[in-house]
Amino acid sequence: MGIKDKRVDSYIAKSADFAKPILSHLRELVHAACPDVEETMKWSFPHFDYKGMMCSMAAFKQHAVFGFWKSKLLNDPKNYLGEKFNQGGAAMGNMGRIASLKDLPPDKAIIDFIRQAKKLNDDGVKLPPRPKSTEKKELIVPNYLMGALRKNKKALATFDGFSYSNKKEYIE
């Protein structure tokens, strides 16, 4: 049996009035499609876990969002998770900006996505690794910093030994 988290109840209760019915409806659909789902809070918004992360939802001032952890692996013939459906604008979730229940795809489609996501987790399917960039990042070191570093060979050697991100942080 699934586990409901009181923090999700609190999150929904504290959300803007327009978002409460959206979040409650999505929560019901997730529990209906995956009875063994466990609710939790990650990154300060509700997540639904089933053998790993499955989906999440969040509310903002003027819109809500809903998304799947492995959205790129879901079968979506009507492009509900793509730009075609997201006419409300880009947003954190896969279904764009949701301002009312009317902005959601049909329940049948959402339930299908949840079941697909469940099956991916049942089967242990992982997201493919992100491709590593092969292009070399060039960092522009301000003249005043390079001038100061050149006056102290030890400082220059230390700076040259820094990783790209350490140099960038130092410059910023």
N, C-alpha and C. Protein backbone atom coordinates (compact mmCIF):
# COMPACT_ATOMS: atom_id res chain seq x y z
N MET A 1 0.84 -1.19 0.00
CA MET A 1 0.00 0.00 0.00
C MET A 1 0.87 1.25 0.00
N GLY A 2 0.48 2.25 -0.71
CA GLY A 2 1.23 3.48 -0.83
C GLY A 2 1.29 4.25 0.48
N ILE A 3 2.18 5.21 0.53
CA ILE A 3 2.36 6.01 1.73
C ILE A 3 2.11 7.47 1.39
N LYS A 4 1.19 8.09 2.14
CA LYS A 4 0.96 9.52 1.99
C LYS A 4 1.77 10.25 3.04
N ASP A 5 2.24 11.41 2.67
CA ASP A 5 3.11 12.20 3.53
C ASP A 5 2.34 13.46 3.96
N LYS A 6 2.29 13.70 5.26
CA LYS A 6 1.56 14.87 5.77
C LYS A 6 2.18 16.17 5.29
N ARG A 7 3.45 16.14 4.93
CA ARG A 7 4.10 17.35 4.41
C ARG A 7 3.51 17.72 3.04
N VAL A 8 3.05 16.72 2.29
CA VAL A 8 2.41 17.00 1.00
C VAL A 8 1.04 17.64 1.26
N ASP A 9 0.32 17.14 2.27
CA ASP A 9 -0.95 17.78 2.66
C ASP A 9 -0.72 19.25 2.98
N SER A 10 0.32 19.50 3.76
CA SER A 10 0.64 20.87 4.16
C SER A 10 1.03 21.72 2.96
N TYR A 11 1.81 21.15 2.04
CA TYR A 11 2.24 21.86 0.84
C TYR A 11 1.02 22.29 0.02
N ILE A 12 0.09 21.36 -0.17
CA ILE A 12 -1.11 21.68 -0.95
C ILE A 12 -1.93 22.74 -0.24
N ALA A 13 -2.09 22.61 1.07
CA ALA A 13 -2.88 23.57 1.84
C ALA A 13 -2.29 24.98 1.77
N LYS A 14 -0.98 25.08 1.70
CA LYS A 14 -0.32 26.39 1.65
C LYS A 14 -0.21 26.96 0.24
N SER A 15 -0.58 26.17 -0.76
CA SER A 15 -0.47 26.62 -2.15
C SER A 15 -1.56 27.65 -2.47
N ALA A 16 -1.35 28.37 -3.56
CA ALA A 16 -2.34 29.35 -4.02
C ALA A 16 -3.66 28.65 -4.30
N ASP A 17 -4.75 29.38 -4.16
CA ASP A 17 -6.08 28.78 -4.32
C ASP A 17 -6.27 28.09 -5.66
N PHE A 18 -5.74 28.67 -6.75
CA PHE A 18 -5.92 28.06 -8.06
C PHE A 18 -5.21 26.70 -8.14
N ALA A 19 -4.09 26.55 -7.38
CA ALA A 19 -3.26 25.35 -7.47
C ALA A 19 -3.79 24.17 -6.65
N LYS A 20 -4.54 24.45 -5.62
CA LYS A 20 -5.00 23.37 -4.73
C LYS A 20 -5.76 22.27 -5.46
N PRO A 21 -6.76 22.60 -6.30
CA PRO A 21 -7.45 21.52 -7.00
C PRO A 21 -6.56 20.78 -8.01
N ILE A 22 -5.62 21.48 -8.60
CA ILE A 22 -4.70 20.86 -9.56
C ILE A 22 -3.82 19.84 -8.84
N LEU A 23 -3.19 20.28 -7.76
CA LEU A 23 -2.28 19.40 -7.03
C LEU A 23 -3.03 18.22 -6.41
N SER A 24 -4.21 18.48 -5.87
CA SER A 24 -5.01 17.38 -5.27
C SER A 24 -5.41 16.37 -6.34
N HIS A 25 -5.80 16.85 -7.50
CA HIS A 25 -6.22 15.96 -8.60
C HIS A 25 -5.04 15.11 -9.08
N LEU A 26 -3.90 15.74 -9.29
CA LEU A 26 -2.72 15.00 -9.73
C LEU A 26 -2.31 13.95 -8.70
N ARG A 27 -2.38 14.32 -7.44
CA ARG A 27 -2.05 13.38 -6.35
C ARG A 27 -2.97 12.17 -6.40
N GLU A 28 -4.26 12.40 -6.58
CA GLU A 28 -5.22 11.30 -6.66
C GLU A 28 -4.93 10.39 -7.85
N LEU A 29 -4.60 10.99 -9.00
CA LEU A 29 -4.29 10.19 -10.18
C LEU A 29 -3.05 9.32 -9.96
N VAL A 30 -2.03 9.89 -9.33
CA VAL A 30 -0.81 9.13 -9.08
C VAL A 30 -1.11 7.93 -8.18
N HIS A 31 -1.87 8.15 -7.12
CA HIS A 31 -2.20 7.05 -6.20
C HIS A 31 -3.12 6.02 -6.85
N ALA A 32 -3.99 6.47 -7.74
CA ALA A 32 -4.89 5.53 -8.43
C ALA A 32 -4.10 4.65 -9.42
N ALA A 33 -3.17 5.25 -10.12
CA ALA A 33 -2.42 4.52 -11.15
C ALA A 33 -1.28 3.69 -10.57
N CYS A 34 -0.79 4.08 -9.41
CA CYS A 34 0.32 3.36 -8.77
C CYS A 34 0.05 3.29 -7.27
N PRO A 35 -0.77 2.33 -6.84
CA PRO A 35 -1.17 2.25 -5.42
C PRO A 35 0.00 2.11 -4.44
N ASP A 36 1.14 1.64 -4.89
CA ASP A 36 2.29 1.45 -4.00
C ASP A 36 3.23 2.66 -3.95
N VAL A 37 2.82 3.76 -4.55
CA VAL A 37 3.67 4.95 -4.59
C VAL A 37 3.87 5.50 -3.18
N GLU A 38 5.03 6.10 -2.96
CA GLU A 38 5.34 6.74 -1.69
C GLU A 38 5.56 8.22 -1.94
N GLU A 39 4.90 9.04 -1.15
CA GLU A 39 5.07 10.48 -1.26
C GLU A 39 6.24 10.92 -0.39
N THR A 40 6.91 11.96 -0.84
CA THR A 40 7.98 12.55 -0.05
C THR A 40 8.18 13.99 -0.51
N MET A 41 8.98 14.71 0.21
CA MET A 41 9.34 16.07 -0.19
C MET A 41 10.82 16.07 -0.54
N LYS A 42 11.14 16.53 -1.72
CA LYS A 42 12.52 16.70 -2.17
C LYS A 42 12.62 18.06 -2.82
N TRP A 43 13.69 18.77 -2.52
CA TRP A 43 13.88 20.11 -3.07
C TRP A 43 12.68 21.00 -2.76
N SER A 44 12.04 20.77 -1.62
CA SER A 44 10.93 21.57 -1.09
C SER A 44 9.63 21.46 -1.90
N PHE A 45 9.47 20.42 -2.69
CA PHE A 45 8.19 20.20 -3.35
C PHE A 45 7.89 18.70 -3.42
N PRO A 46 6.61 18.33 -3.58
CA PRO A 46 6.20 16.92 -3.52
C PRO A 46 6.73 16.07 -4.66
N HIS A 47 7.21 14.89 -4.27
CA HIS A 47 7.67 13.88 -5.21
C HIS A 47 6.94 12.58 -4.94
N PHE A 48 6.80 11.78 -5.96
CA PHE A 48 6.19 10.48 -5.84
C PHE A 48 7.23 9.45 -6.25
N ASP A 49 7.58 8.59 -5.30
CA ASP A 49 8.61 7.59 -5.53
C ASP A 49 8.01 6.20 -5.59
N TYR A 50 8.50 5.42 -6.51
CA TYR A 50 8.15 4.01 -6.62
C TYR A 50 9.38 3.31 -7.17
N LYS A 51 10.09 2.62 -6.32
CA LYS A 51 11.35 1.98 -6.71
C LYS A 51 12.28 3.02 -7.35
N GLY A 52 12.31 4.19 -6.77
CA GLY A 52 13.09 5.31 -7.28
C GLY A 52 12.15 6.46 -7.63
N MET A 53 12.72 7.58 -8.03
CA MET A 53 11.89 8.74 -8.36
C MET A 53 11.04 8.44 -9.58
N MET A 54 9.78 8.89 -9.50
CA MET A 54 8.86 8.63 -10.61
C MET A 54 8.32 9.95 -11.18
N CYS A 55 7.72 10.78 -10.33
CA CYS A 55 7.18 12.05 -10.81
C CYS A 55 7.11 13.05 -9.66
N SER A 56 6.82 14.29 -10.01
CA SER A 56 6.74 15.35 -9.00
C SER A 56 5.78 16.43 -9.46
N MET A 57 5.40 17.26 -8.50
CA MET A 57 4.52 18.39 -8.82
C MET A 57 4.94 19.56 -7.94
N ALA A 58 4.60 20.76 -8.39
CA ALA A 58 4.94 21.95 -7.62
C ALA A 58 3.96 23.06 -7.98
N ALA A 59 3.83 24.01 -7.07
CA ALA A 59 2.97 25.16 -7.30
C ALA A 59 3.79 26.43 -7.17
N PHE A 60 3.50 27.38 -8.03
CA PHE A 60 4.15 28.68 -7.99
C PHE A 60 3.07 29.75 -7.87
N LYS A 61 3.43 31.00 -8.00
CA LYS A 61 2.46 32.07 -7.81
C LYS A 61 1.30 32.02 -8.80
N GLN A 62 1.62 31.71 -10.06
CA GLN A 62 0.57 31.78 -11.08
C GLN A 62 0.41 30.50 -11.89
N HIS A 63 1.17 29.48 -11.56
CA HIS A 63 1.02 28.21 -12.28
C HIS A 63 1.53 27.05 -11.43
N ALA A 64 1.11 25.87 -11.82
CA ALA A 64 1.59 24.64 -11.20
C ALA A 64 2.29 23.83 -12.29
N VAL A 65 3.05 22.84 -11.86
CA VAL A 65 3.74 21.98 -12.81
C VAL A 65 3.65 20.53 -12.37
N PHE A 66 3.81 19.63 -13.33
CA PHE A 66 3.82 18.20 -13.06
C PHE A 66 4.79 17.58 -14.05
N GLY A 67 5.67 16.73 -13.56
CA GLY A 67 6.65 16.16 -14.46
C GLY A 67 7.10 14.77 -14.06
N PHE A 68 7.67 14.08 -15.02
CA PHE A 68 8.15 12.71 -14.83
C PHE A 68 9.66 12.69 -14.88
N TRP A 69 10.25 11.94 -13.98
CA TRP A 69 11.70 11.84 -13.89
C TRP A 69 12.28 11.29 -15.19
N LYS A 70 11.60 10.32 -15.77
CA LYS A 70 12.09 9.68 -17.00
C LYS A 70 11.18 10.02 -18.19
N SER A 71 10.79 11.26 -18.30
CA SER A 71 9.82 11.69 -19.32
C SER A 71 10.28 11.36 -20.74
N LYS A 72 11.57 11.44 -20.99
CA LYS A 72 12.08 11.19 -22.35
C LYS A 72 11.90 9.73 -22.77
N LEU A 73 11.65 8.85 -21.80
CA LEU A 73 11.49 7.43 -22.11
C LEU A 73 10.02 7.02 -22.22
N LEU A 74 9.11 7.95 -21.97
CA LEU A 74 7.68 7.63 -22.01
C LEU A 74 7.14 7.72 -23.42
N ASN A 75 6.23 6.82 -23.74
CA ASN A 75 5.55 6.84 -25.03
C ASN A 75 4.48 7.94 -24.97
N ASP A 76 4.57 8.91 -25.84
CA ASP A 76 3.69 10.09 -25.82
C ASP A 76 3.25 10.44 -27.25
N PRO A 77 2.37 9.61 -27.86
CA PRO A 77 2.01 9.83 -29.26
C PRO A 77 1.28 11.16 -29.51
N LYS A 78 0.62 11.72 -28.51
CA LYS A 78 -0.11 12.98 -28.72
C LYS A 78 0.70 14.19 -28.26
N ASN A 79 1.95 13.95 -27.89
CA ASN A 79 2.88 15.03 -27.51
C ASN A 79 2.37 15.86 -26.33
N TYR A 80 1.75 15.21 -25.36
CA TYR A 80 1.31 15.93 -24.17
C TYR A 80 2.48 16.40 -23.32
N LEU A 81 3.61 15.73 -23.44
CA LEU A 81 4.79 16.08 -22.64
C LEU A 81 5.76 16.95 -23.41
N GLY A 82 5.40 17.31 -24.62
CA GLY A 82 6.31 18.09 -25.47
C GLY A 82 5.84 19.52 -25.64
N GLU A 83 6.58 20.25 -26.43
CA GLU A 83 6.31 21.67 -26.64
C GLU A 83 4.96 21.93 -27.30
N LYS A 84 4.48 21.00 -28.08
CA LYS A 84 3.22 21.18 -28.78
C LYS A 84 2.07 21.43 -27.79
N PHE A 85 2.09 20.70 -26.67
CA PHE A 85 1.03 20.84 -25.67
C PHE A 85 1.30 21.99 -24.71
N ASN A 86 2.56 22.32 -24.49
CA ASN A 86 2.94 23.32 -23.50
C ASN A 86 2.78 24.74 -24.02
N GLN A 87 1.58 25.08 -24.43
CA GLN A 87 1.37 26.41 -24.99
C GLN A 87 1.36 27.49 -23.93
N GLY A 88 1.24 27.11 -22.66
CA GLY A 88 1.30 28.08 -21.57
C GLY A 88 2.71 28.59 -21.33
N GLY A 89 3.68 28.00 -21.97
CA GLY A 89 5.06 28.42 -21.84
C GLY A 89 5.89 27.36 -21.16
N ALA A 90 7.17 27.48 -21.33
CA ALA A 90 8.10 26.52 -20.72
C ALA A 90 7.99 26.59 -19.21
N ALA A 91 8.14 25.45 -18.58
CA ALA A 91 8.08 25.39 -17.13
C ALA A 91 8.91 24.20 -16.67
N MET A 92 9.06 24.09 -15.37
CA MET A 92 9.89 23.04 -14.79
C MET A 92 9.36 21.65 -15.11
N GLY A 93 8.05 21.45 -15.12
CA GLY A 93 7.48 20.13 -15.39
C GLY A 93 7.37 19.85 -16.87
N ASN A 94 6.87 18.65 -17.19
CA ASN A 94 6.76 18.26 -18.59
C ASN A 94 5.48 18.74 -19.26
N MET A 95 4.52 19.19 -18.48
CA MET A 95 3.23 19.59 -19.05
C MET A 95 3.05 21.09 -19.12
N GLY A 96 4.14 21.82 -19.04
CA GLY A 96 4.08 23.28 -19.15
C GLY A 96 3.45 23.92 -17.94
N ARG A 97 3.03 25.15 -18.10
CA ARG A 97 2.40 25.91 -17.02
C ARG A 97 0.94 25.49 -16.91
N ILE A 98 0.57 25.03 -15.73
CA ILE A 98 -0.79 24.58 -15.49
C ILE A 98 -1.47 25.60 -14.57
N ALA A 99 -2.45 26.31 -15.11
CA ALA A 99 -3.13 27.34 -14.32
C ALA A 99 -4.53 26.89 -13.88
N SER A 100 -5.04 25.82 -14.50
CA SER A 100 -6.33 25.27 -14.10
C SER A 100 -6.39 23.81 -14.51
N LEU A 101 -7.40 23.11 -14.03
CA LEU A 101 -7.56 21.70 -14.39
C LEU A 101 -7.73 21.52 -15.90
N LYS A 102 -8.26 22.54 -16.57
CA LYS A 102 -8.46 22.48 -18.02
C LYS A 102 -7.14 22.42 -18.79
N ASP A 103 -6.06 22.87 -18.15
CA ASP A 103 -4.75 22.87 -18.81
C ASP A 103 -4.08 21.50 -18.82
N LEU A 104 -4.64 20.55 -18.08
CA LEU A 104 -4.07 19.21 -18.01
C LEU A 104 -4.51 18.35 -19.19
N PRO A 105 -3.68 17.41 -19.59
CA PRO A 105 -4.13 16.43 -20.58
C PRO A 105 -5.27 15.61 -19.95
N PRO A 106 -5.97 14.80 -20.74
CA PRO A 106 -7.04 13.96 -20.17
C PRO A 106 -6.47 13.02 -19.09
N ASP A 107 -7.30 12.74 -18.09
CA ASP A 107 -6.88 11.85 -17.00
C ASP A 107 -6.34 10.53 -17.52
N LYS A 108 -6.98 10.01 -18.56
CA LYS A 108 -6.57 8.73 -19.14
C LYS A 108 -5.10 8.79 -19.60
N ALA A 109 -4.70 9.91 -20.19
CA ALA A 109 -3.32 10.07 -20.66
C ALA A 109 -2.36 10.19 -19.48
N ILE A 110 -2.73 10.94 -18.46
CA ILE A 110 -1.86 11.10 -17.28
C ILE A 110 -1.68 9.75 -16.59
N ILE A 111 -2.76 9.00 -16.43
CA ILE A 111 -2.69 7.68 -15.81
C ILE A 111 -1.79 6.76 -16.63
N ASP A 112 -1.89 6.84 -17.94
CA ASP A 112 -1.02 6.03 -18.80
C ASP A 112 0.44 6.39 -18.57
N PHE A 113 0.76 7.68 -18.48
CA PHE A 113 2.14 8.09 -18.23
C PHE A 113 2.63 7.57 -16.88
N ILE A 114 1.78 7.64 -15.87
CA ILE A 114 2.16 7.16 -14.53
C ILE A 114 2.44 5.67 -14.58
N ARG A 115 1.60 4.93 -15.26
CA ARG A 115 1.80 3.47 -15.37
C ARG A 115 3.07 3.14 -16.16
N GLN A 116 3.33 3.92 -17.20
CA GLN A 116 4.58 3.72 -17.96
C GLN A 116 5.79 3.99 -17.07
N ALA A 117 5.72 5.07 -16.29
CA ALA A 117 6.83 5.42 -15.40
C ALA A 117 7.02 4.34 -14.34
N LYS A 118 5.93 3.80 -13.84
CA LYS A 118 5.99 2.70 -12.87
C LYS A 118 6.69 1.50 -13.48
N LYS A 119 6.30 1.16 -14.71
CA LYS A 119 6.90 0.00 -15.38
C LYS A 119 8.40 0.21 -15.62
N LEU A 120 8.78 1.42 -15.99
CA LEU A 120 10.21 1.70 -16.18
C LEU A 120 10.98 1.44 -14.88
N ASN A 121 10.40 1.87 -13.76
CA ASN A 121 11.06 1.65 -12.48
C ASN A 121 11.01 0.18 -12.07
N ASP A 122 9.90 -0.51 -12.38
CA ASP A 122 9.82 -1.95 -12.12
C ASP A 122 10.92 -2.69 -12.87
N ASP A 123 11.15 -2.28 -14.11
CA ASP A 123 12.13 -2.94 -14.97
C ASP A 123 13.57 -2.47 -14.71
N GLY A 124 13.72 -1.51 -13.82
CA GLY A 124 15.06 -1.02 -13.49
C GLY A 124 15.70 -0.19 -14.59
N VAL A 125 14.89 0.38 -15.48
CA VAL A 125 15.41 1.19 -16.58
C VAL A 125 15.97 2.50 -16.02
N LYS A 126 17.16 2.82 -16.44
CA LYS A 126 17.83 4.05 -16.01
C LYS A 126 17.83 5.05 -17.16
N LEU A 127 17.90 6.32 -16.81
CA LEU A 127 18.06 7.36 -17.83
C LEU A 127 19.45 7.23 -18.43
N PRO A 128 19.57 7.46 -19.74
CA PRO A 128 20.91 7.41 -20.32
C PRO A 128 21.75 8.55 -19.74
N PRO A 129 23.05 8.33 -19.59
CA PRO A 129 23.90 9.40 -19.04
C PRO A 129 23.92 10.59 -19.97
N ARG A 130 24.05 11.74 -19.38
CA ARG A 130 24.17 12.97 -20.17
C ARG A 130 25.49 12.95 -20.92
N PRO A 131 25.47 13.33 -22.17
CA PRO A 131 26.74 13.34 -22.91
C PRO A 131 27.67 14.41 -22.33
N LYS A 132 28.93 14.05 -22.18
CA LYS A 132 29.90 15.00 -21.67
C LYS A 132 30.35 15.91 -22.80
N SER A 133 30.47 17.16 -22.48
CA SER A 133 30.90 18.14 -23.47
C SER A 133 32.35 17.91 -23.83
N THR A 134 32.65 17.93 -25.12
CA THR A 134 34.03 17.75 -25.57
C THR A 134 34.69 19.09 -25.87
N GLU A 135 33.89 20.15 -25.91
CA GLU A 135 34.48 21.45 -26.21
C GLU A 135 35.17 22.00 -24.97
N LYS A 136 36.30 22.59 -25.21
CA LYS A 136 37.09 23.14 -24.11
C LYS A 136 36.54 24.52 -23.77
N LYS A 137 36.22 24.69 -22.49
CA LYS A 137 35.70 25.98 -22.03
C LYS A 137 36.86 26.95 -21.86
N GLU A 138 36.66 28.13 -22.39
CA GLU A 138 37.70 29.15 -22.24
C GLU A 138 37.26 30.14 -21.18
N LEU A 139 38.14 30.37 -20.26
CA LEU A 139 37.85 31.28 -19.16
C LEU A 139 38.63 32.56 -19.36
N ILE A 140 37.96 33.67 -19.28
CA ILE A 140 38.63 34.95 -19.46
C ILE A 140 39.02 35.49 -18.09
N VAL A 141 40.32 35.57 -17.88
CA VAL A 141 40.85 36.06 -16.61
C VAL A 141 41.10 37.56 -16.78
N PRO A 142 40.51 38.39 -15.91
CA PRO A 142 40.70 39.84 -16.03
C PRO A 142 42.18 40.23 -15.94
N ASN A 143 42.55 41.26 -16.68
CA ASN A 143 43.95 41.71 -16.73
C ASN A 143 44.49 42.05 -15.35
N TYR A 144 43.67 42.70 -14.51
CA TYR A 144 44.15 43.09 -13.19
C TYR A 144 44.51 41.86 -12.34
N LEU A 145 43.77 40.76 -12.52
CA LEU A 145 44.06 39.54 -11.75
C LEU A 145 45.33 38.88 -12.29
N MET A 146 45.43 38.77 -13.61
CA MET A 146 46.63 38.16 -14.19
C MET A 146 47.87 38.96 -13.84
N GLY A 147 47.75 40.28 -13.83
CA GLY A 147 48.89 41.13 -13.45
C GLY A 147 49.33 40.85 -12.03
N ALA A 148 48.38 40.73 -11.12
CA ALA A 148 48.70 40.46 -9.72
C ALA A 148 49.31 39.06 -9.57
N LEU A 149 48.77 38.08 -10.31
CA LEU A 149 49.29 36.72 -10.22
C LEU A 149 50.71 36.62 -10.77
N ARG A 150 51.00 37.36 -11.83
CA ARG A 150 52.34 37.30 -12.44
C ARG A 150 53.41 37.87 -11.50
N LYS A 151 53.00 38.72 -10.58
CA LYS A 151 53.96 39.29 -9.62
C LYS A 151 54.37 38.28 -8.56
N ASN A 152 53.59 37.20 -8.43
CA ASN A 152 53.87 36.18 -7.42
C ASN A 152 53.81 34.81 -8.09
N LYS A 153 54.99 34.25 -8.39
CA LYS A 153 55.04 33.00 -9.14
C LYS A 153 54.32 31.86 -8.42
N LYS A 154 54.40 31.83 -7.11
CA LYS A 154 53.74 30.77 -6.34
C LYS A 154 52.21 30.89 -6.48
N ALA A 155 51.71 32.12 -6.42
CA ALA A 155 50.27 32.35 -6.57
C ALA A 155 49.81 31.97 -7.98
N LEU A 156 50.63 32.32 -8.98
CA LEU A 156 50.29 31.98 -10.37
C LEU A 156 50.26 30.46 -10.56
N ALA A 157 51.24 29.77 -9.99
CA ALA A 157 51.28 28.31 -10.11
C ALA A 157 50.06 27.68 -9.42
N THR A 158 49.69 28.22 -8.28
CA THR A 158 48.51 27.70 -7.57
C THR A 158 47.26 27.93 -8.41
N PHE A 159 47.12 29.14 -8.96
CA PHE A 159 45.95 29.45 -9.79
C PHE A 159 45.90 28.56 -11.02
N ASP A 160 47.04 28.36 -11.67
CA ASP A 160 47.09 27.51 -12.86
C ASP A 160 46.73 26.06 -12.53
N GLY A 161 46.96 25.64 -11.29
CA GLY A 161 46.64 24.27 -10.88
C GLY A 161 45.18 24.07 -10.53
N PHE A 162 44.43 25.17 -10.43
CA PHE A 162 43.00 25.06 -10.11
C PHE A 162 42.24 24.42 -11.25
N SER A 163 41.13 23.77 -10.93
CA SER A 163 40.22 23.26 -11.95
C SER A 163 39.51 24.46 -12.59
N TYR A 164 38.86 24.21 -13.72
CA TYR A 164 38.11 25.27 -14.40
C TYR A 164 37.12 25.93 -13.45
N SER A 165 36.35 25.09 -12.72
CA SER A 165 35.31 25.65 -11.85
C SER A 165 35.92 26.45 -10.69
N ASN A 166 37.07 26.00 -10.17
CA ASN A 166 37.72 26.77 -9.09
C ASN A 166 38.22 28.11 -9.61
N LYS A 167 38.80 28.11 -10.82
CA LYS A 167 39.26 29.38 -11.40
C LYS A 167 38.07 30.32 -11.61
N LYS A 168 36.98 29.76 -12.13
CA LYS A 168 35.80 30.57 -12.39
C LYS A 168 35.27 31.18 -11.09
N GLU A 169 35.21 30.37 -10.05
CA GLU A 169 34.73 30.86 -8.75
C GLU A 169 35.64 31.96 -8.22
N TYR A 170 36.94 31.76 -8.37
CA TYR A 170 37.90 32.75 -7.92
C TYR A 170 37.72 34.07 -8.66
N ILE A 171 37.52 33.99 -9.96
CA ILE A 171 37.34 35.19 -10.78
C ILE A 171 36.05 35.93 -10.41
N GLU A 172 35.01 35.15 -10.19
CA GLU A 172 33.71 35.77 -9.84
C GLU A 172 33.80 36.43 -8.49
